[in-house]
Amino acid sequence: MIEEKFDSRTLAIMNAALDCVCGTDPRGEEHVQRKRVAEQIIRCAENGRTTLAELTEAGQDALTEVAVAAK
């Protein structure tokens, strides 16, 4: 489980990044969108990039990828 991979501080930052990113997009609360953003944030954290800025950027990148794919 994800709780076993990261400490509580990192998990809190990851959740904050997820909420921040999804809160800026009209479709951010849709399960599919939120899941894609979360997966990208997890990958970022697994690579050792765990600051709020890094995780938020990774989440934003996931939303950008979705928007580009939709066009």
Protein backbone atom coordinates (compact mmCIF):
# COMPACT_ATOMS: atom_id res chain seq x y z
CA MET A 1 0.00 0.00 0.00
CA ILE A 2 1.00 3.60 -0.52
CA GLU A 3 1.08 4.23 3.24
CA GLU A 4 3.94 1.75 3.53
CA LYS A 5 6.07 3.48 0.86
CA PHE A 6 6.07 7.02 2.23
CA ASP A 7 6.30 8.72 5.60
CA SER A 8 3.36 10.68 6.98
CA ARG A 9 4.85 14.05 6.02
CA THR A 10 5.31 13.02 2.40
CA LEU A 11 1.80 11.57 2.28
CA ALA A 12 0.38 14.84 3.60
CA ILE A 13 2.26 16.82 0.95
CA MET A 14 1.09 14.40 -1.74
CA ASN A 15 -2.53 14.86 -0.64
CA ALA A 16 -2.14 18.63 -0.60
CA ALA A 17 -0.70 18.56 -4.14
CA LEU A 18 -3.56 16.35 -5.34
CA ASP A 19 -6.18 18.65 -3.83
CA CYS A 20 -4.43 21.73 -5.22
CA VAL A 21 -4.18 20.38 -8.75
CA CYS A 22 -7.66 18.88 -8.89
CA GLY A 23 -9.19 21.98 -7.34
CA THR A 24 -7.98 24.12 -10.25
CA ASP A 25 -9.60 22.03 -12.99
CA PRO A 26 -13.35 21.91 -13.64
CA ARG A 27 -13.14 18.13 -14.08
CA GLY A 28 -10.69 17.69 -11.21
CA GLU A 29 -13.16 15.87 -9.00
CA GLU A 30 -13.92 13.25 -11.65
CA HIS A 31 -12.56 9.88 -10.54
CA VAL A 32 -10.63 9.25 -13.76
CA GLN A 33 -8.93 12.66 -13.68
CA ARG A 34 -8.13 12.49 -10.00
CA LYS A 35 -6.71 8.97 -10.38
CA ARG A 36 -4.45 10.04 -13.26
CA VAL A 37 -3.16 13.02 -11.27
CA ALA A 38 -2.61 10.84 -8.19
CA GLU A 39 -0.67 8.27 -10.20
CA GLN A 40 1.62 10.96 -11.58
CA ILE A 41 2.17 12.41 -8.10
CA ILE A 42 3.03 8.95 -6.77
CA ARG A 43 5.55 8.36 -9.56
CA CYS A 44 7.14 11.72 -8.81
CA ALA A 45 7.45 10.88 -5.10
CA GLU A 46 8.86 7.44 -5.88
CA ASN A 47 11.63 9.21 -7.80
CA GLY A 48 12.55 11.17 -4.68
CA ARG A 49 10.93 14.46 -5.69
CA THR A 50 8.71 15.14 -2.70
CA THR A 51 8.39 18.90 -2.28
CA LEU A 52 4.97 20.46 -2.68
CA ALA A 53 6.16 22.34 -5.77
CA GLU A 54 7.54 19.20 -7.42
CA LEU A 55 4.47 17.11 -6.69
CA THR A 56 2.09 19.87 -7.78
CA GLU A 57 4.02 20.30 -11.02
CA ALA A 58 3.79 16.56 -11.68
CA GLY A 59 0.06 16.67 -11.10
CA GLN A 60 -0.35 19.66 -13.40
CA ASP A 61 1.62 17.80 -16.06
CA ALA A 62 -0.87 14.93 -15.82
CA LEU A 63 -3.78 17.34 -16.41
CA THR A 64 -1.97 18.87 -19.37
CA GLU A 65 -1.46 15.43 -20.88
CA VAL A 66 -5.18 14.73 -20.55
CA ALA A 67 -6.08 18.05 -22.17
CA VAL A 68 -3.71 17.46 -25.09
CA ALA A 69 -4.98 13.92 -25.59
CA ALA A 70 -8.58 15.15 -25.64
CA LYS A 71 -7.93 17.49 -28.57
